[in-house]
Amino acid sequence: MEGVQTLELEIKVNMTADRFFDTFKKKEGNFTDKTEAVSVHRDDPKSNSSIQIWNFVVDGKMEQIKEKIEVNEENRSVSFLALEGDLLKLYKRYKITLHVIPQGDRVCIANWIWEYEKLNDDVRPPTKYSAFVADYTRDLETRLLSEP
C-alpha cells in the first residue's frame, strides 16, 4: 500500500485574494447550500487555529468531519486536518490546504492540495471530495460577489 499521496485542484476566483482569504481567516460566513452546519469547538487566537465540526452533503449523502483548522496569514493559506468523521473510515490521514494566490487586482487562484493516506488499497483517491470543494469554491465565490 502506498503512503501519503497528494491531489491538487486550482480554481480561478473572480475577486481579490484578500477578500476570498478573509472568509476563511475570520472563520465565519463561508457557508454555502452544501454545508449545513459549522460549529467551533475551540478557538485559539494565539495559535490561529481552531477545532470545527462541519456537516456537509457530498454525492447526495450527509457527512460530518471534525477538523483542526490552522490559518497562516502571511502565506494566505488555511489547512484542514481531519480528526474525526466519515472521511476517516477511508483514510488514515486526510488534510487539505488552501493557498489563495493573487493574480492581479481582481482575480486570485484557490489552490487546494490534499494529502491523504488510504486505509487500504481498495480505497479510491478523494476525488468526490475534490469535486465537492470545487463546487463549494464556486458557490462561495458567487455568494461573495453578490454581497455589497
N, C-alpha and C. Protein backbone atom coordinates (compact mmCIF):
# COMPACT_ATOMS: atom_id res chain seq x y z
N MET A 1 0.85 -1.19 0.00
CA MET A 1 0.00 0.00 0.00
C MET A 1 0.89 1.25 0.00
N GLU A 2 0.47 2.22 -0.74
CA GLU A 2 1.22 3.47 -0.84
C GLU A 2 1.09 4.28 0.45
N GLY A 3 2.03 5.18 0.69
CA GLY A 3 1.98 6.06 1.85
C GLY A 3 1.12 7.28 1.56
N VAL A 4 1.57 8.42 2.02
CA VAL A 4 0.82 9.67 1.82
C VAL A 4 0.85 10.04 0.34
N GLN A 5 -0.32 10.34 -0.20
CA GLN A 5 -0.47 10.75 -1.59
C GLN A 5 -1.03 12.16 -1.63
N THR A 6 -0.96 12.78 -2.79
CA THR A 6 -1.48 14.14 -2.94
C THR A 6 -2.40 14.24 -4.14
N LEU A 7 -3.26 15.23 -4.07
CA LEU A 7 -4.19 15.57 -5.13
C LEU A 7 -4.27 17.09 -5.12
N GLU A 8 -4.31 17.71 -6.29
CA GLU A 8 -4.31 19.18 -6.34
C GLU A 8 -5.40 19.68 -7.27
N LEU A 9 -5.96 20.83 -6.91
CA LEU A 9 -7.02 21.47 -7.69
C LEU A 9 -6.80 22.97 -7.65
N GLU A 10 -6.80 23.61 -8.82
CA GLU A 10 -6.70 25.07 -8.90
C GLU A 10 -7.97 25.63 -9.51
N ILE A 11 -8.51 26.67 -8.87
CA ILE A 11 -9.73 27.30 -9.35
C ILE A 11 -9.51 28.81 -9.40
N LYS A 12 -9.81 29.41 -10.55
CA LYS A 12 -9.75 30.86 -10.69
C LYS A 12 -10.96 31.45 -9.98
N VAL A 13 -10.72 32.44 -9.12
CA VAL A 13 -11.78 33.10 -8.36
C VAL A 13 -11.78 34.57 -8.74
N ASN A 14 -12.93 35.10 -9.10
CA ASN A 14 -13.04 36.47 -9.60
C ASN A 14 -13.24 37.48 -8.48
N MET A 15 -12.24 37.56 -7.62
CA MET A 15 -12.21 38.59 -6.57
C MET A 15 -10.79 38.67 -6.04
N THR A 16 -10.54 39.67 -5.23
CA THR A 16 -9.19 39.82 -4.70
C THR A 16 -8.85 38.65 -3.78
N ALA A 17 -7.58 38.35 -3.70
CA ALA A 17 -7.11 37.28 -2.82
C ALA A 17 -7.46 37.59 -1.37
N ASP A 18 -7.32 38.86 -0.97
CA ASP A 18 -7.63 39.23 0.41
C ASP A 18 -9.10 38.98 0.75
N ARG A 19 -9.98 39.34 -0.15
CA ARG A 19 -11.42 39.16 0.14
C ARG A 19 -11.77 37.67 0.26
N PHE A 20 -11.26 36.86 -0.65
CA PHE A 20 -11.56 35.43 -0.60
C PHE A 20 -10.92 34.80 0.64
N PHE A 21 -9.67 35.12 0.91
CA PHE A 21 -8.97 34.55 2.06
C PHE A 21 -9.61 34.98 3.38
N ASP A 22 -10.10 36.22 3.45
CA ASP A 22 -10.70 36.72 4.69
C ASP A 22 -11.88 35.88 5.16
N THR A 23 -12.64 35.28 4.25
CA THR A 23 -13.77 34.46 4.68
C THR A 23 -13.29 33.24 5.47
N PHE A 24 -12.11 32.74 5.15
CA PHE A 24 -11.55 31.60 5.87
C PHE A 24 -10.82 32.07 7.13
N LYS A 25 -10.14 33.18 7.01
CA LYS A 25 -9.38 33.72 8.15
C LYS A 25 -10.30 34.07 9.31
N LYS A 26 -11.45 34.64 8.99
CA LYS A 26 -12.40 35.05 10.04
C LYS A 26 -13.22 33.89 10.57
N LYS A 27 -13.16 32.75 9.86
CA LYS A 27 -13.91 31.55 10.27
C LYS A 27 -15.40 31.82 10.38
N GLU A 28 -15.90 32.68 9.54
CA GLU A 28 -17.33 32.98 9.56
C GLU A 28 -17.78 33.33 8.15
N GLY A 29 -19.00 33.03 7.87
CA GLY A 29 -19.57 33.45 6.60
C GLY A 29 -19.16 32.64 5.40
N ASN A 30 -18.42 31.55 5.60
CA ASN A 30 -18.02 30.77 4.42
C ASN A 30 -18.92 29.55 4.24
N PHE A 31 -20.23 29.77 4.39
CA PHE A 31 -21.22 28.72 4.20
C PHE A 31 -21.77 28.78 2.79
N THR A 32 -22.21 27.63 2.29
CA THR A 32 -22.94 27.56 1.04
C THR A 32 -24.11 26.59 1.27
N ASP A 33 -24.89 26.34 0.24
CA ASP A 33 -26.00 25.40 0.41
C ASP A 33 -25.53 23.96 0.56
N LYS A 34 -24.23 23.71 0.38
CA LYS A 34 -23.69 22.37 0.55
C LYS A 34 -23.13 22.12 1.95
N THR A 35 -23.10 23.15 2.77
CA THR A 35 -22.65 22.99 4.16
C THR A 35 -23.83 23.32 5.05
N GLU A 36 -24.27 22.34 5.81
CA GLU A 36 -25.48 22.54 6.61
C GLU A 36 -25.22 23.17 7.97
N ALA A 37 -24.06 22.92 8.53
CA ALA A 37 -23.79 23.48 9.86
C ALA A 37 -22.30 23.49 10.12
N VAL A 38 -21.88 24.45 10.87
CA VAL A 38 -20.50 24.51 11.33
C VAL A 38 -20.53 24.94 12.78
N SER A 39 -19.76 24.26 13.60
CA SER A 39 -19.65 24.70 14.99
C SER A 39 -18.19 24.75 15.38
N VAL A 40 -17.82 25.79 16.08
CA VAL A 40 -16.45 25.97 16.56
C VAL A 40 -16.37 25.38 17.96
N HIS A 41 -15.47 24.45 18.14
CA HIS A 41 -15.31 23.84 19.46
C HIS A 41 -14.26 24.55 20.30
N ARG A 42 -13.18 24.92 19.67
CA ARG A 42 -12.14 25.61 20.41
C ARG A 42 -11.48 26.57 19.44
N ASP A 43 -11.33 27.78 19.86
CA ASP A 43 -10.67 28.77 19.03
C ASP A 43 -9.50 29.32 19.82
N ASP A 44 -8.31 29.21 19.28
CA ASP A 44 -7.11 29.67 19.96
C ASP A 44 -6.50 30.81 19.16
N PRO A 45 -6.86 32.05 19.51
CA PRO A 45 -6.37 33.18 18.72
C PRO A 45 -4.85 33.32 18.74
N LYS A 46 -4.19 32.82 19.79
CA LYS A 46 -2.73 32.92 19.85
C LYS A 46 -2.06 32.04 18.79
N SER A 47 -2.63 30.87 18.54
CA SER A 47 -2.01 29.96 17.57
C SER A 47 -2.69 30.05 16.21
N ASN A 48 -3.77 30.83 16.11
CA ASN A 48 -4.51 30.99 14.86
C ASN A 48 -5.09 29.66 14.38
N SER A 49 -5.53 28.84 15.35
CA SER A 49 -6.14 27.56 14.99
C SER A 49 -7.43 27.36 15.75
N SER A 50 -8.24 26.44 15.25
CA SER A 50 -9.49 26.11 15.92
C SER A 50 -9.85 24.67 15.58
N ILE A 51 -10.78 24.14 16.34
CA ILE A 51 -11.35 22.83 16.06
C ILE A 51 -12.80 23.09 15.65
N GLN A 52 -13.20 22.57 14.49
CA GLN A 52 -14.55 22.81 13.99
C GLN A 52 -15.18 21.51 13.52
N ILE A 53 -16.49 21.47 13.60
CA ILE A 53 -17.26 20.35 13.05
C ILE A 53 -18.08 20.88 11.88
N TRP A 54 -17.95 20.23 10.74
CA TRP A 54 -18.69 20.59 9.54
C TRP A 54 -19.64 19.47 9.20
N ASN A 55 -20.87 19.79 8.89
CA ASN A 55 -21.82 18.87 8.29
C ASN A 55 -21.99 19.31 6.85
N PHE A 56 -21.80 18.39 5.92
CA PHE A 56 -21.86 18.76 4.51
C PHE A 56 -22.46 17.62 3.70
N VAL A 57 -22.96 17.97 2.53
CA VAL A 57 -23.57 16.99 1.65
C VAL A 57 -22.63 16.76 0.47
N VAL A 58 -22.21 15.50 0.29
CA VAL A 58 -21.36 15.13 -0.85
C VAL A 58 -21.96 13.88 -1.49
N ASP A 59 -22.13 13.92 -2.79
CA ASP A 59 -22.78 12.83 -3.53
C ASP A 59 -24.16 12.51 -2.96
N GLY A 60 -24.89 13.53 -2.53
CA GLY A 60 -26.25 13.36 -2.02
C GLY A 60 -26.33 12.78 -0.62
N LYS A 61 -25.20 12.60 0.05
CA LYS A 61 -25.17 11.99 1.38
C LYS A 61 -24.59 12.98 2.41
N MET A 62 -25.26 13.06 3.57
CA MET A 62 -24.76 13.91 4.64
C MET A 62 -23.53 13.25 5.27
N GLU A 63 -22.46 14.03 5.41
CA GLU A 63 -21.26 13.57 6.08
C GLU A 63 -20.85 14.61 7.11
N GLN A 64 -20.02 14.17 8.03
CA GLN A 64 -19.54 15.08 9.07
C GLN A 64 -18.04 14.90 9.22
N ILE A 65 -17.37 16.00 9.54
CA ILE A 65 -15.95 15.96 9.81
C ILE A 65 -15.63 16.89 10.96
N LYS A 66 -14.80 16.43 11.85
CA LYS A 66 -14.24 17.27 12.90
C LYS A 66 -12.80 17.50 12.49
N GLU A 67 -12.41 18.77 12.39
CA GLU A 67 -11.08 19.06 11.88
C GLU A 67 -10.42 20.19 12.63
N LYS A 68 -9.10 20.14 12.61
CA LYS A 68 -8.29 21.23 13.15
C LYS A 68 -7.98 22.15 11.98
N ILE A 69 -8.27 23.41 12.17
CA ILE A 69 -8.05 24.40 11.12
C ILE A 69 -6.97 25.36 11.58
N GLU A 70 -5.95 25.52 10.75
CA GLU A 70 -4.86 26.45 11.04
C GLU A 70 -4.75 27.46 9.92
N VAL A 71 -4.65 28.72 10.30
CA VAL A 71 -4.57 29.82 9.35
C VAL A 71 -3.17 30.41 9.37
N ASN A 72 -2.59 30.58 8.19
CA ASN A 72 -1.30 31.24 8.05
C ASN A 72 -1.53 32.49 7.22
N GLU A 73 -1.66 33.63 7.90
CA GLU A 73 -1.98 34.89 7.21
C GLU A 73 -0.88 35.32 6.26
N GLU A 74 0.36 35.11 6.66
CA GLU A 74 1.49 35.54 5.84
C GLU A 74 1.48 34.86 4.46
N ASN A 75 1.16 33.58 4.43
CA ASN A 75 1.14 32.83 3.17
C ASN A 75 -0.24 32.73 2.55
N ARG A 76 -1.25 33.36 3.16
CA ARG A 76 -2.64 33.26 2.71
C ARG A 76 -3.03 31.79 2.52
N SER A 77 -2.79 31.02 3.57
CA SER A 77 -3.14 29.60 3.49
C SER A 77 -3.94 29.17 4.72
N VAL A 78 -4.74 28.13 4.50
CA VAL A 78 -5.54 27.55 5.58
C VAL A 78 -5.42 26.04 5.42
N SER A 79 -5.12 25.35 6.52
CA SER A 79 -5.08 23.89 6.45
C SER A 79 -6.20 23.31 7.30
N PHE A 80 -6.73 22.19 6.82
CA PHE A 80 -7.85 21.50 7.45
C PHE A 80 -7.42 20.05 7.67
N LEU A 81 -7.14 19.65 8.91
CA LEU A 81 -6.69 18.30 9.23
C LEU A 81 -7.83 17.54 9.88
N ALA A 82 -8.25 16.43 9.26
CA ALA A 82 -9.35 15.62 9.79
C ALA A 82 -8.92 14.94 11.09
N LEU A 83 -9.75 15.11 12.13
CA LEU A 83 -9.51 14.47 13.42
C LEU A 83 -10.48 13.32 13.66
N GLU A 84 -11.72 13.51 13.21
CA GLU A 84 -12.78 12.51 13.35
C GLU A 84 -13.73 12.68 12.18
N GLY A 85 -14.55 11.65 11.94
CA GLY A 85 -15.61 11.80 10.96
C GLY A 85 -15.61 10.76 9.87
N ASP A 86 -16.55 10.92 8.95
CA ASP A 86 -16.78 9.96 7.88
C ASP A 86 -15.55 9.71 7.00
N LEU A 87 -14.77 10.74 6.74
CA LEU A 87 -13.58 10.60 5.90
C LEU A 87 -12.59 9.58 6.47
N LEU A 88 -12.52 9.51 7.79
CA LEU A 88 -11.53 8.64 8.42
C LEU A 88 -11.96 7.18 8.42
N LYS A 89 -13.12 6.89 7.81
CA LYS A 89 -13.49 5.49 7.56
C LYS A 89 -12.76 4.98 6.32
N LEU A 90 -12.20 5.89 5.53
CA LEU A 90 -11.50 5.55 4.30
C LEU A 90 -10.00 5.87 4.33
N TYR A 91 -9.65 6.90 5.11
CA TYR A 91 -8.28 7.40 5.09
C TYR A 91 -7.68 7.44 6.50
N LYS A 92 -6.41 7.02 6.59
CA LYS A 92 -5.68 7.13 7.87
C LYS A 92 -5.38 8.59 8.17
N ARG A 93 -5.05 9.31 7.12
CA ARG A 93 -4.69 10.73 7.23
C ARG A 93 -5.40 11.45 6.11
N TYR A 94 -5.94 12.63 6.45
CA TYR A 94 -6.65 13.42 5.46
C TYR A 94 -6.47 14.89 5.82
N LYS A 95 -5.77 15.61 4.97
CA LYS A 95 -5.52 17.03 5.20
C LYS A 95 -5.67 17.77 3.88
N ILE A 96 -6.36 18.91 3.95
CA ILE A 96 -6.49 19.79 2.79
C ILE A 96 -5.84 21.13 3.16
N THR A 97 -5.09 21.67 2.23
CA THR A 97 -4.53 23.00 2.43
C THR A 97 -4.97 23.88 1.27
N LEU A 98 -5.50 25.05 1.61
CA LEU A 98 -5.90 26.05 0.63
C LEU A 98 -4.85 27.15 0.63
N HIS A 99 -4.31 27.44 -0.55
CA HIS A 99 -3.43 28.59 -0.75
C HIS A 99 -4.19 29.55 -1.65
N VAL A 100 -4.34 30.80 -1.22
CA VAL A 100 -5.01 31.81 -2.03
C VAL A 100 -3.91 32.67 -2.65
N ILE A 101 -3.82 32.63 -3.98
CA ILE A 101 -2.72 33.25 -4.71
C ILE A 101 -3.25 34.42 -5.53
N PRO A 102 -2.77 35.65 -5.26
CA PRO A 102 -3.21 36.80 -6.04
C PRO A 102 -2.81 36.66 -7.52
N GLN A 103 -3.71 37.09 -8.40
CA GLN A 103 -3.45 37.07 -9.84
C GLN A 103 -3.90 38.40 -10.43
N GLY A 104 -3.39 39.48 -9.94
CA GLY A 104 -3.82 40.80 -10.40
C GLY A 104 -4.75 41.44 -9.38
N ASP A 105 -5.38 42.54 -9.79
CA ASP A 105 -6.20 43.33 -8.87
C ASP A 105 -7.50 42.67 -8.46
N ARG A 106 -8.13 41.92 -9.36
CA ARG A 106 -9.48 41.42 -9.08
C ARG A 106 -9.64 39.91 -9.27
N VAL A 107 -8.53 39.20 -9.29
CA VAL A 107 -8.59 37.76 -9.51
C VAL A 107 -7.57 37.07 -8.62
N CYS A 108 -7.93 35.87 -8.18
CA CYS A 108 -6.98 35.06 -7.42
C CYS A 108 -7.16 33.60 -7.82
N ILE A 109 -6.24 32.79 -7.39
CA ILE A 109 -6.32 31.34 -7.61
C ILE A 109 -6.50 30.68 -6.25
N ALA A 110 -7.52 29.83 -6.14
CA ALA A 110 -7.70 28.98 -4.96
C ALA A 110 -7.00 27.67 -5.29
N ASN A 111 -5.86 27.46 -4.68
CA ASN A 111 -5.07 26.25 -4.90
C ASN A 111 -5.29 25.31 -3.72
N TRP A 112 -6.04 24.23 -3.96
CA TRP A 112 -6.38 23.25 -2.93
C TRP A 112 -5.46 22.04 -3.10
N ILE A 113 -4.82 21.61 -2.02
CA ILE A 113 -3.94 20.45 -2.06
C ILE A 113 -4.37 19.47 -0.98
N TRP A 114 -4.63 18.23 -1.40
CA TRP A 114 -4.99 17.15 -0.48
C TRP A 114 -3.76 16.33 -0.19
N GLU A 115 -3.57 15.99 1.07
CA GLU A 115 -2.59 14.98 1.48
C GLU A 115 -3.40 13.91 2.18
N TYR A 116 -3.32 12.68 1.69
CA TYR A 116 -4.15 11.63 2.26
C TYR A 116 -3.40 10.30 2.24
N GLU A 117 -3.77 9.44 3.16
CA GLU A 117 -3.24 8.09 3.19
C GLU A 117 -4.42 7.14 3.33
N LYS A 118 -4.55 6.24 2.36
CA LYS A 118 -5.67 5.30 2.33
C LYS A 118 -5.54 4.27 3.45
N LEU A 119 -6.70 3.80 3.95
CA LEU A 119 -6.70 2.72 4.93
C LEU A 119 -6.30 1.39 4.28
N ASN A 120 -6.66 1.22 3.00
CA ASN A 120 -6.26 0.01 2.27
C ASN A 120 -6.24 0.31 0.78
N ASP A 121 -5.76 -0.65 0.00
CA ASP A 121 -5.59 -0.44 -1.44
C ASP A 121 -6.91 -0.30 -2.20
N ASP A 122 -8.01 -0.76 -1.62
CA ASP A 122 -9.31 -0.67 -2.28
C ASP A 122 -9.92 0.72 -2.24
N VAL A 123 -9.39 1.58 -1.40
CA VAL A 123 -9.92 2.94 -1.25
C VAL A 123 -9.48 3.79 -2.44
N ARG A 124 -10.43 4.50 -2.99
CA ARG A 124 -10.15 5.38 -4.13
C ARG A 124 -9.58 6.72 -3.64
N PRO A 125 -8.89 7.45 -4.52
CA PRO A 125 -8.46 8.80 -4.17
C PRO A 125 -9.70 9.65 -3.84
N PRO A 126 -9.54 10.73 -3.09
CA PRO A 126 -10.69 11.53 -2.64
C PRO A 126 -11.25 12.47 -3.70
N THR A 127 -11.46 11.95 -4.91
CA THR A 127 -11.95 12.81 -6.00
C THR A 127 -13.37 13.31 -5.76
N LYS A 128 -14.21 12.53 -5.06
CA LYS A 128 -15.56 13.04 -4.79
C LYS A 128 -15.49 14.24 -3.85
N TYR A 129 -14.49 14.28 -2.99
CA TYR A 129 -14.32 15.43 -2.10
C TYR A 129 -13.69 16.60 -2.85
N SER A 130 -12.82 16.33 -3.80
CA SER A 130 -12.28 17.44 -4.60
C SER A 130 -13.38 18.05 -5.47
N ALA A 131 -14.30 17.22 -5.98
CA ALA A 131 -15.44 17.75 -6.74
C ALA A 131 -16.33 18.60 -5.83
N PHE A 132 -16.54 18.15 -4.59
CA PHE A 132 -17.31 18.92 -3.62
C PHE A 132 -16.64 20.27 -3.37
N VAL A 133 -15.32 20.26 -3.16
CA VAL A 133 -14.59 21.51 -2.88
C VAL A 133 -14.64 22.44 -4.09
N ALA A 134 -14.58 21.90 -5.30
CA ALA A 134 -14.69 22.74 -6.49
C ALA A 134 -16.05 23.44 -6.53
N ASP A 135 -17.12 22.68 -6.31
CA ASP A 135 -18.46 23.27 -6.28
C ASP A 135 -18.59 24.28 -5.14
N TYR A 136 -18.06 23.92 -3.98
CA TYR A 136 -18.10 24.79 -2.80
C TYR A 136 -17.40 26.12 -3.11
N THR A 137 -16.22 26.06 -3.73
CA THR A 137 -15.47 27.27 -4.05
C THR A 137 -16.26 28.16 -5.00
N ARG A 138 -16.85 27.57 -6.01
CA ARG A 138 -17.65 28.36 -6.98
C ARG A 138 -18.89 28.96 -6.32
N ASP A 139 -19.55 28.16 -5.46
CA ASP A 139 -20.73 28.66 -4.76
C ASP A 139 -20.37 29.80 -3.80
N LEU A 140 -19.24 29.66 -3.11
CA LEU A 140 -18.79 30.71 -2.20
C LEU A 140 -18.45 31.98 -2.98
N GLU A 141 -17.79 31.83 -4.10
CA GLU A 141 -17.45 32.97 -4.96
C GLU A 141 -18.73 33.70 -5.39
N THR A 142 -19.72 32.95 -5.85
CA THR A 142 -20.98 33.55 -6.30
C THR A 142 -21.66 34.30 -5.16
N ARG A 143 -21.71 33.69 -3.99
CA ARG A 143 -22.35 34.35 -2.85
C ARG A 143 -21.59 35.62 -2.45
N LEU A 144 -20.26 35.56 -2.39
CA LEU A 144 -19.48 36.73 -2.00
C LEU A 144 -19.61 37.86 -3.03
N LEU A 145 -19.66 37.51 -4.31
CA LEU A 145 -19.78 38.54 -5.34
C LEU A 145 -21.15 39.20 -5.34
N SER A 146 -22.15 38.52 -4.79
CA SER A 146 -23.49 39.10 -4.73
C SER A 146 -23.67 40.01 -3.51
N GLU A 147 -22.73 39.97 -2.57
CA GLU A 147 -22.80 40.82 -1.38
C GLU A 147 -22.19 42.18 -1.68
N PRO A 148 -22.67 43.20 -1.00
CA PRO A 148 -22.10 44.55 -1.23
C PRO A 148 -20.68 44.67 -0.72
